[in-house]
Amino acid sequence: MTTATDTPQAAAFRRQVLNPLKLRLFMMRKLPMAWLAGLRLTQLTPETATVTIRYKFLTQNPFRSLYFACLAMAAEFASGIQGMMQVQAGGPVSMLVTAIQGDFTKKAVGLIAFTCPDGPLIALAVAESRATGEGRTVVCTSTGVDEAGDVVAVFKLTWSFRAKR
């Protein structure tokens, strides 16, 4: 399905980051903590992105669950990768997290998948910033579910997008 936000540049970016080897190389170079934690991008469309993180030695806390910062990293990556995809077309746009809120509902163990369905909102903010030259903010929601389908955490991340002159 093609949408208004699915530019050729976005499609090329998606093909690159959905290649596990290329994504790992990118993370080693630009996001080494995400690489060490073992983040995996399992889905990226113009509408949604899903990122997984697994409970393991490097992501644990003393309570035998995933450390909250690792959960936040996966939640941020699920929304941020959509922003990165949208800024590929057109002039340069800076992007920055300006706020984050997390609600934890269940102990996070095993494989946790964070999904952010806010691609269209991100695309609109980037397009508006390019058109007006002013910054735009978007509140993105990343929901983490465990292997049983139970919600373990919900993060709200406020992203700021500003077209560079």
N, C-alpha and C. Protein backbone atom coordinates (compact mmCIF):
# COMPACT_ATOMS: atom_id res chain seq x y z
N MET A 1 0.84 -1.18 0.00
CA MET A 1 0.00 0.00 0.00
C MET A 1 0.88 1.24 0.00
N THR A 2 0.65 2.15 -0.93
CA THR A 2 1.41 3.38 -1.02
C THR A 2 0.58 4.51 -0.44
N THR A 3 1.24 5.34 0.37
CA THR A 3 0.57 6.48 0.96
C THR A 3 1.30 7.74 0.56
N ALA A 4 0.74 8.89 0.92
CA ALA A 4 1.35 10.17 0.59
C ALA A 4 2.71 10.31 1.24
N THR A 5 2.96 9.62 2.33
CA THR A 5 4.24 9.76 3.03
C THR A 5 5.27 8.77 2.54
N ASP A 6 4.93 7.95 1.58
CA ASP A 6 5.84 6.91 1.10
C ASP A 6 6.60 7.43 -0.13
N THR A 7 7.63 8.23 0.09
CA THR A 7 8.44 8.77 -0.99
C THR A 7 9.46 7.73 -1.43
N PRO A 8 10.05 7.92 -2.60
CA PRO A 8 11.11 7.00 -3.03
C PRO A 8 12.29 6.97 -2.04
N GLN A 9 12.61 8.13 -1.46
CA GLN A 9 13.70 8.19 -0.49
C GLN A 9 13.34 7.41 0.77
N ALA A 10 12.08 7.51 1.21
CA ALA A 10 11.64 6.77 2.39
C ALA A 10 11.67 5.27 2.11
N ALA A 11 11.26 4.87 0.92
CA ALA A 11 11.28 3.45 0.57
C ALA A 11 12.72 2.92 0.53
N ALA A 12 13.64 3.72 0.01
CA ALA A 12 15.05 3.30 -0.03
C ALA A 12 15.61 3.19 1.38
N PHE A 13 15.27 4.15 2.24
CA PHE A 13 15.72 4.11 3.63
C PHE A 13 15.17 2.86 4.32
N ARG A 14 13.89 2.57 4.08
CA ARG A 14 13.25 1.40 4.69
C ARG A 14 13.95 0.11 4.27
N ARG A 15 14.27 0.00 2.99
CA ARG A 15 14.98 -1.20 2.51
C ARG A 15 16.33 -1.35 3.22
N GLN A 16 17.02 -0.24 3.42
CA GLN A 16 18.33 -0.29 4.07
C GLN A 16 18.23 -0.74 5.53
N VAL A 17 17.34 -0.11 6.30
CA VAL A 17 17.29 -0.41 7.73
C VAL A 17 16.59 -1.73 8.03
N LEU A 18 15.80 -2.24 7.11
CA LEU A 18 15.19 -3.55 7.32
C LEU A 18 16.15 -4.69 7.01
N ASN A 19 17.31 -4.37 6.45
CA ASN A 19 18.37 -5.35 6.24
C ASN A 19 19.09 -5.49 7.58
N PRO A 20 19.01 -6.66 8.24
CA PRO A 20 19.58 -6.79 9.59
C PRO A 20 21.06 -6.43 9.67
N LEU A 21 21.85 -6.81 8.68
CA LEU A 21 23.28 -6.51 8.72
C LEU A 21 23.52 -5.00 8.62
N LYS A 22 22.85 -4.35 7.69
CA LYS A 22 23.03 -2.91 7.52
C LYS A 22 22.54 -2.14 8.75
N LEU A 23 21.45 -2.60 9.35
CA LEU A 23 20.97 -1.93 10.56
C LEU A 23 21.97 -2.11 11.70
N ARG A 24 22.52 -3.30 11.86
CA ARG A 24 23.51 -3.52 12.93
C ARG A 24 24.74 -2.65 12.72
N LEU A 25 25.20 -2.52 11.48
CA LEU A 25 26.35 -1.67 11.20
C LEU A 25 26.03 -0.21 11.52
N PHE A 26 24.83 0.23 11.15
CA PHE A 26 24.41 1.60 11.47
C PHE A 26 24.38 1.81 12.98
N MET A 27 23.80 0.86 13.70
CA MET A 27 23.71 1.01 15.15
C MET A 27 25.09 0.97 15.80
N MET A 28 25.99 0.11 15.32
CA MET A 28 27.34 0.07 15.87
C MET A 28 28.02 1.43 15.74
N ARG A 29 27.75 2.10 14.62
CA ARG A 29 28.40 3.37 14.33
C ARG A 29 27.72 4.56 15.00
N LYS A 30 26.39 4.60 14.97
CA LYS A 30 25.65 5.77 15.43
C LYS A 30 24.89 5.58 16.75
N LEU A 31 24.53 4.33 17.07
CA LEU A 31 23.76 4.04 18.28
C LEU A 31 24.36 2.82 18.99
N PRO A 32 25.57 2.94 19.50
CA PRO A 32 26.23 1.75 20.05
C PRO A 32 25.48 1.12 21.23
N MET A 33 24.81 1.89 22.05
CA MET A 33 24.06 1.29 23.16
C MET A 33 22.88 0.46 22.65
N ALA A 34 22.23 0.92 21.59
CA ALA A 34 21.14 0.14 20.99
C ALA A 34 21.68 -1.16 20.42
N TRP A 35 22.86 -1.10 19.83
CA TRP A 35 23.48 -2.31 19.29
C TRP A 35 23.82 -3.28 20.43
N LEU A 36 24.43 -2.77 21.50
CA LEU A 36 24.77 -3.64 22.63
C LEU A 36 23.53 -4.25 23.28
N ALA A 37 22.46 -3.48 23.37
CA ALA A 37 21.23 -3.98 23.98
C ALA A 37 20.51 -4.99 23.09
N GLY A 38 20.85 -5.01 21.81
CA GLY A 38 20.24 -5.99 20.90
C GLY A 38 18.91 -5.56 20.32
N LEU A 39 18.70 -4.26 20.14
CA LEU A 39 17.45 -3.82 19.51
C LEU A 39 17.36 -4.38 18.09
N ARG A 40 16.14 -4.76 17.71
CA ARG A 40 15.88 -5.27 16.37
C ARG A 40 14.67 -4.55 15.79
N LEU A 41 14.81 -4.08 14.58
CA LEU A 41 13.70 -3.46 13.86
C LEU A 41 12.99 -4.56 13.10
N THR A 42 11.75 -4.86 13.47
CA THR A 42 11.04 -5.98 12.83
C THR A 42 10.02 -5.51 11.81
N GLN A 43 9.60 -4.24 11.89
CA GLN A 43 8.63 -3.72 10.93
C GLN A 43 8.83 -2.23 10.78
N LEU A 44 8.77 -1.75 9.54
CA LEU A 44 8.81 -0.31 9.27
C LEU A 44 8.01 -0.04 8.01
N THR A 45 6.92 0.67 8.19
CA THR A 45 6.09 1.12 7.08
C THR A 45 5.91 2.63 7.26
N PRO A 46 5.31 3.30 6.28
CA PRO A 46 5.05 4.73 6.49
C PRO A 46 4.11 5.00 7.67
N GLU A 47 3.36 4.00 8.08
CA GLU A 47 2.40 4.18 9.17
C GLU A 47 2.93 3.74 10.53
N THR A 48 3.72 2.69 10.58
CA THR A 48 4.07 2.09 11.87
C THR A 48 5.48 1.51 11.86
N ALA A 49 6.02 1.38 13.06
CA ALA A 49 7.32 0.72 13.23
C ALA A 49 7.26 -0.15 14.48
N THR A 50 7.94 -1.29 14.42
CA THR A 50 8.01 -2.19 15.57
C THR A 50 9.47 -2.53 15.83
N VAL A 51 9.87 -2.38 17.10
CA VAL A 51 11.23 -2.65 17.53
C VAL A 51 11.16 -3.62 18.70
N THR A 52 12.02 -4.64 18.70
CA THR A 52 12.02 -5.60 19.79
C THR A 52 13.30 -5.48 20.62
N ILE A 53 13.15 -5.87 21.89
CA ILE A 53 14.28 -5.96 22.80
C ILE A 53 14.03 -7.18 23.67
N ARG A 54 15.09 -7.90 23.96
CA ARG A 54 14.97 -9.14 24.72
C ARG A 54 15.62 -8.97 26.09
N TYR A 55 15.00 -9.60 27.09
CA TYR A 55 15.59 -9.67 28.42
C TYR A 55 16.82 -10.56 28.34
N LYS A 56 17.97 -10.01 28.73
CA LYS A 56 19.21 -10.77 28.74
C LYS A 56 20.17 -10.09 29.72
N PHE A 57 21.37 -10.59 29.82
CA PHE A 57 22.33 -10.11 30.80
C PHE A 57 22.53 -8.59 30.71
N LEU A 58 22.74 -8.07 29.51
CA LEU A 58 23.02 -6.64 29.35
C LEU A 58 21.81 -5.74 29.53
N THR A 59 20.60 -6.29 29.50
CA THR A 59 19.40 -5.45 29.62
C THR A 59 18.67 -5.65 30.95
N GLN A 60 19.24 -6.44 31.83
CA GLN A 60 18.54 -6.78 33.08
C GLN A 60 18.69 -5.69 34.14
N ASN A 61 17.78 -5.72 35.11
CA ASN A 61 17.90 -4.93 36.32
C ASN A 61 17.99 -5.91 37.50
N PRO A 62 18.19 -5.43 38.73
CA PRO A 62 18.32 -6.36 39.86
C PRO A 62 17.05 -7.13 40.20
N PHE A 63 15.94 -6.77 39.57
CA PHE A 63 14.65 -7.40 39.88
C PHE A 63 14.27 -8.46 38.86
N ARG A 64 15.24 -8.91 38.08
CA ARG A 64 15.06 -9.95 37.06
C ARG A 64 14.01 -9.58 36.01
N SER A 65 14.10 -8.35 35.56
CA SER A 65 13.27 -7.90 34.43
C SER A 65 14.10 -6.92 33.61
N LEU A 66 13.53 -6.45 32.51
CA LEU A 66 14.24 -5.50 31.66
C LEU A 66 14.38 -4.16 32.36
N TYR A 67 15.56 -3.60 32.30
CA TYR A 67 15.85 -2.29 32.87
C TYR A 67 15.01 -1.25 32.15
N PHE A 68 14.43 -0.31 32.90
CA PHE A 68 13.51 0.65 32.31
C PHE A 68 14.17 1.49 31.21
N ALA A 69 15.46 1.78 31.35
CA ALA A 69 16.14 2.58 30.33
C ALA A 69 16.24 1.82 29.00
N CYS A 70 16.37 0.51 29.07
CA CYS A 70 16.39 -0.30 27.84
C CYS A 70 15.01 -0.30 27.19
N LEU A 71 13.97 -0.35 28.00
CA LEU A 71 12.61 -0.25 27.46
C LEU A 71 12.40 1.11 26.80
N ALA A 72 12.86 2.18 27.45
CA ALA A 72 12.72 3.52 26.90
C ALA A 72 13.49 3.65 25.59
N MET A 73 14.67 3.03 25.52
CA MET A 73 15.47 3.08 24.30
C MET A 73 14.72 2.42 23.13
N ALA A 74 14.11 1.28 23.39
CA ALA A 74 13.35 0.59 22.33
C ALA A 74 12.13 1.41 21.92
N ALA A 75 11.45 2.00 22.89
CA ALA A 75 10.28 2.83 22.60
C ALA A 75 10.68 4.05 21.76
N GLU A 76 11.79 4.68 22.13
CA GLU A 76 12.26 5.85 21.38
C GLU A 76 12.65 5.45 19.96
N PHE A 77 13.32 4.32 19.82
CA PHE A 77 13.76 3.88 18.50
C PHE A 77 12.56 3.61 17.58
N ALA A 78 11.47 3.08 18.14
CA ALA A 78 10.28 2.78 17.33
C ALA A 78 9.68 4.05 16.72
N SER A 79 9.72 5.15 17.45
CA SER A 79 9.21 6.39 16.88
C SER A 79 10.30 7.13 16.11
N GLY A 80 11.52 7.10 16.61
CA GLY A 80 12.61 7.83 15.98
C GLY A 80 12.97 7.32 14.59
N ILE A 81 12.87 6.02 14.37
CA ILE A 81 13.21 5.48 13.06
C ILE A 81 12.20 5.97 12.01
N GLN A 82 10.96 6.21 12.44
CA GLN A 82 9.97 6.78 11.52
C GLN A 82 10.32 8.22 11.18
N GLY A 83 10.78 8.98 12.18
CA GLY A 83 11.23 10.34 11.93
C GLY A 83 12.41 10.37 10.98
N MET A 84 13.37 9.47 11.21
CA MET A 84 14.53 9.40 10.33
C MET A 84 14.11 9.09 8.90
N MET A 85 13.14 8.21 8.75
CA MET A 85 12.66 7.86 7.42
C MET A 85 12.03 9.07 6.73
N GLN A 86 11.27 9.87 7.47
CA GLN A 86 10.58 11.02 6.88
C GLN A 86 11.51 12.17 6.52
N VAL A 87 12.60 12.32 7.23
CA VAL A 87 13.51 13.43 6.92
C VAL A 87 14.44 13.12 5.76
N GLN A 88 14.37 11.91 5.19
CA GLN A 88 15.23 11.53 4.08
C GLN A 88 14.94 12.33 2.81
N ALA A 89 13.69 12.68 2.59
CA ALA A 89 13.31 13.40 1.38
C ALA A 89 13.31 14.90 1.66
N GLY A 90 13.80 15.67 0.72
CA GLY A 90 13.80 17.12 0.88
C GLY A 90 15.02 17.61 1.63
N GLY A 91 14.93 18.86 2.08
CA GLY A 91 16.04 19.48 2.79
C GLY A 91 16.23 18.91 4.18
N PRO A 92 17.36 19.26 4.80
CA PRO A 92 17.67 18.71 6.12
C PRO A 92 16.69 19.19 7.20
N VAL A 93 16.38 18.29 8.10
CA VAL A 93 15.48 18.56 9.22
C VAL A 93 16.13 18.01 10.47
N SER A 94 16.19 18.84 11.52
CA SER A 94 16.72 18.34 12.79
C SER A 94 15.57 17.72 13.57
N MET A 95 15.89 16.70 14.33
CA MET A 95 14.88 16.05 15.16
C MET A 95 15.46 15.79 16.54
N LEU A 96 14.61 15.96 17.56
CA LEU A 96 15.08 15.88 18.92
C LEU A 96 13.92 15.46 19.83
N VAL A 97 14.20 14.57 20.77
CA VAL A 97 13.20 14.24 21.80
C VAL A 97 13.21 15.37 22.82
N THR A 98 12.04 15.95 23.08
CA THR A 98 11.95 17.05 24.05
C THR A 98 11.27 16.63 25.34
N ALA A 99 10.57 15.49 25.33
CA ALA A 99 9.92 15.00 26.55
C ALA A 99 9.65 13.51 26.39
N ILE A 100 9.62 12.83 27.53
CA ILE A 100 9.30 11.41 27.54
C ILE A 100 8.55 11.08 28.83
N GLN A 101 7.53 10.25 28.69
CA GLN A 101 6.77 9.78 29.85
C GLN A 101 6.56 8.28 29.67
N GLY A 102 6.78 7.54 30.73
CA GLY A 102 6.60 6.09 30.66
C GLY A 102 5.67 5.58 31.74
N ASP A 103 4.78 4.70 31.35
CA ASP A 103 3.89 4.01 32.29
C ASP A 103 4.16 2.52 32.17
N PHE A 104 4.45 1.90 33.30
CA PHE A 104 4.81 0.49 33.33
C PHE A 104 3.68 -0.29 34.00
N THR A 105 3.18 -1.32 33.30
CA THR A 105 2.00 -2.02 33.79
C THR A 105 2.26 -3.47 34.18
N LYS A 106 3.39 -4.02 33.74
CA LYS A 106 3.69 -5.42 34.02
C LYS A 106 5.20 -5.63 33.95
N LYS A 107 5.70 -6.58 34.69
CA LYS A 107 7.12 -6.91 34.67
C LYS A 107 7.51 -7.33 33.26
N ALA A 108 8.58 -6.73 32.75
CA ALA A 108 9.01 -6.98 31.38
C ALA A 108 10.10 -8.05 31.36
N VAL A 109 9.73 -9.24 30.91
CA VAL A 109 10.68 -10.34 30.74
C VAL A 109 10.44 -10.96 29.37
N GLY A 110 11.44 -11.64 28.85
CA GLY A 110 11.31 -12.26 27.54
C GLY A 110 11.51 -11.24 26.44
N LEU A 111 10.82 -11.44 25.34
CA LEU A 111 10.92 -10.55 24.18
C LEU A 111 9.80 -9.52 24.26
N ILE A 112 10.17 -8.24 24.21
CA ILE A 112 9.20 -7.15 24.27
C ILE A 112 9.23 -6.44 22.92
N ALA A 113 8.06 -6.22 22.34
CA ALA A 113 7.93 -5.54 21.05
C ALA A 113 7.25 -4.20 21.25
N PHE A 114 7.95 -3.13 20.88
CA PHE A 114 7.39 -1.78 20.94
C PHE A 114 6.91 -1.37 19.57
N THR A 115 5.65 -0.95 19.49
CA THR A 115 5.07 -0.51 18.23
C THR A 115 4.62 0.94 18.36
N CYS A 116 4.98 1.72 17.35
CA CYS A 116 4.56 3.12 17.29
C CYS A 116 3.79 3.32 15.98
N PRO A 117 2.50 3.64 16.06
CA PRO A 117 1.68 3.79 14.86
C PRO A 117 1.55 5.24 14.37
N ASP A 118 2.50 6.10 14.69
CA ASP A 118 2.34 7.54 14.46
C ASP A 118 3.09 8.07 13.25
N GLY A 119 3.41 7.21 12.30
CA GLY A 119 4.10 7.65 11.09
C GLY A 119 3.42 8.79 10.36
N PRO A 120 2.09 8.76 10.15
CA PRO A 120 1.43 9.87 9.46
C PRO A 120 1.55 11.20 10.21
N LEU A 121 1.50 11.17 11.54
CA LEU A 121 1.66 12.41 12.31
C LEU A 121 3.07 12.96 12.17
N ILE A 122 4.06 12.07 12.17
CA ILE A 122 5.44 12.48 12.00
C ILE A 122 5.65 13.08 10.61
N ALA A 123 5.12 12.41 9.59
CA ALA A 123 5.25 12.90 8.22
C ALA A 123 4.63 14.28 8.07
N LEU A 124 3.47 14.49 8.69
CA LEU A 124 2.80 15.79 8.62
C LEU A 124 3.64 16.87 9.29
N ALA A 125 4.20 16.57 10.46
CA ALA A 125 5.02 17.54 11.17
C ALA A 125 6.27 17.91 10.37
N VAL A 126 6.91 16.93 9.77
CA VAL A 126 8.11 17.20 8.96
C VAL A 126 7.73 18.05 7.75
N ALA A 127 6.63 17.71 7.08
CA ALA A 127 6.19 18.47 5.91
C ALA A 127 5.83 19.91 6.29
N GLU A 128 5.13 20.09 7.41
CA GLU A 128 4.77 21.43 7.86
C GLU A 128 6.01 22.25 8.21
N SER A 129 6.98 21.63 8.86
CA SER A 129 8.20 22.33 9.21
C SER A 129 8.96 22.77 7.96
N ARG A 130 9.01 21.91 6.98
CA ARG A 130 9.67 22.28 5.72
C ARG A 130 8.93 23.41 5.02
N ALA A 131 7.59 23.37 5.06
CA ALA A 131 6.79 24.38 4.37
C ALA A 131 6.87 25.74 5.07
N THR A 132 6.89 25.75 6.38
CA THR A 132 6.85 27.01 7.12
C THR A 132 8.21 27.46 7.62
N GLY A 133 9.17 26.55 7.72
CA GLY A 133 10.46 26.88 8.30
C GLY A 133 10.44 26.93 9.81
N GLU A 134 9.32 26.61 10.41
CA GLU A 134 9.18 26.64 11.87
C GLU A 134 9.18 25.22 12.43
N GLY A 135 9.49 25.11 13.70
CA GLY A 135 9.51 23.82 14.35
C GLY A 135 8.10 23.28 14.58
N ARG A 136 8.00 21.99 14.58
CA ARG A 136 6.74 21.30 14.87
C ARG A 136 7.02 20.20 15.87
N THR A 137 6.06 19.93 16.75
CA THR A 137 6.21 18.85 17.71
C THR A 137 5.13 17.81 17.48
N VAL A 138 5.47 16.58 17.81
CA VAL A 138 4.55 15.45 17.70
C VAL A 138 4.70 14.61 18.96
N VAL A 139 3.58 14.24 19.57
CA VAL A 139 3.61 13.30 20.68
C VAL A 139 3.33 11.92 20.10
N CYS A 140 4.33 11.05 20.19
CA CYS A 140 4.22 9.69 19.66
C CYS A 140 4.04 8.72 20.82
N THR A 141 3.24 7.70 20.59
CA THR A 141 3.00 6.67 21.59
C THR A 141 3.63 5.36 21.13
N SER A 142 4.50 4.81 21.97
CA SER A 142 5.10 3.50 21.71
C SER A 142 4.62 2.55 22.78
N THR A 143 3.96 1.48 22.36
CA THR A 143 3.39 0.51 23.29
C THR A 143 4.19 -0.77 23.23
N GLY A 144 4.64 -1.22 24.41
CA GLY A 144 5.42 -2.45 24.49
C GLY A 144 4.58 -3.61 24.98
N VAL A 145 4.61 -4.70 24.23
CA VAL A 145 3.87 -5.90 24.62
C VAL A 145 4.83 -7.08 24.71
N ASP A 146 4.51 -8.00 25.62
CA ASP A 146 5.35 -9.19 25.78
C ASP A 146 4.88 -10.29 24.82
N GLU A 147 5.50 -11.45 24.93
CA GLU A 147 5.19 -12.55 24.02
C GLU A 147 3.77 -13.08 24.18
N ALA A 148 3.16 -12.85 25.36
CA ALA A 148 1.78 -13.27 25.58
C ALA A 148 0.78 -12.24 25.08
N GLY A 149 1.27 -11.10 24.60
CA GLY A 149 0.39 -10.04 24.11
C GLY A 149 -0.06 -9.06 25.18
N ASP A 150 0.51 -9.16 26.38
CA ASP A 150 0.16 -8.25 27.47
C ASP A 150 1.00 -6.98 27.37
N VAL A 151 0.36 -5.84 27.60
CA VAL A 151 1.06 -4.56 27.58
C VAL A 151 1.94 -4.48 28.82
N VAL A 152 3.23 -4.20 28.62
CA VAL A 152 4.14 -4.06 29.75
C VAL A 152 4.52 -2.60 30.00
N ALA A 153 4.48 -1.77 28.95
CA ALA A 153 4.82 -0.36 29.12
C ALA A 153 4.26 0.45 27.95
N VAL A 154 3.92 1.70 28.26
CA VAL A 154 3.49 2.65 27.24
C VAL A 154 4.31 3.92 27.44
N PHE A 155 4.99 4.33 26.39
CA PHE A 155 5.79 5.54 26.43
C PHE A 155 5.18 6.59 25.52
N LYS A 156 5.17 7.82 25.99
CA LYS A 156 4.78 8.96 25.16
C LYS A 156 6.04 9.81 24.99
N LEU A 157 6.46 9.94 23.74
CA LEU A 157 7.67 10.70 23.42
C LEU A 157 7.28 11.92 22.61
N THR A 158 7.74 13.08 23.01
CA THR A 158 7.50 14.30 22.26
C THR A 158 8.72 14.57 21.40
N TRP A 159 8.51 14.56 20.10
CA TRP A 159 9.57 14.83 19.14
C TRP A 159 9.40 16.23 18.58
N SER A 160 10.51 16.93 18.40
CA SER A 160 10.52 18.24 17.77
C SER A 160 11.22 18.10 16.42
N PHE A 161 10.59 18.63 15.39
CA PHE A 161 11.16 18.61 14.04
C PHE A 161 11.29 20.06 13.58
N ARG A 162 12.47 20.44 13.11
CA ARG A 162 12.69 21.78 12.61
C ARG A 162 13.53 21.73 11.34
N ALA A 163 12.96 22.29 10.26
CA ALA A 163 13.69 22.35 8.99
C ALA A 163 14.88 23.28 9.15
N LYS A 164 16.02 22.83 8.66
CA LYS A 164 17.22 23.66 8.71
C LYS A 164 17.23 24.59 7.50
N ARG A 165 17.69 25.78 7.71
CA ARG A 165 17.73 26.76 6.60
C ARG A 165 18.99 26.61 5.80
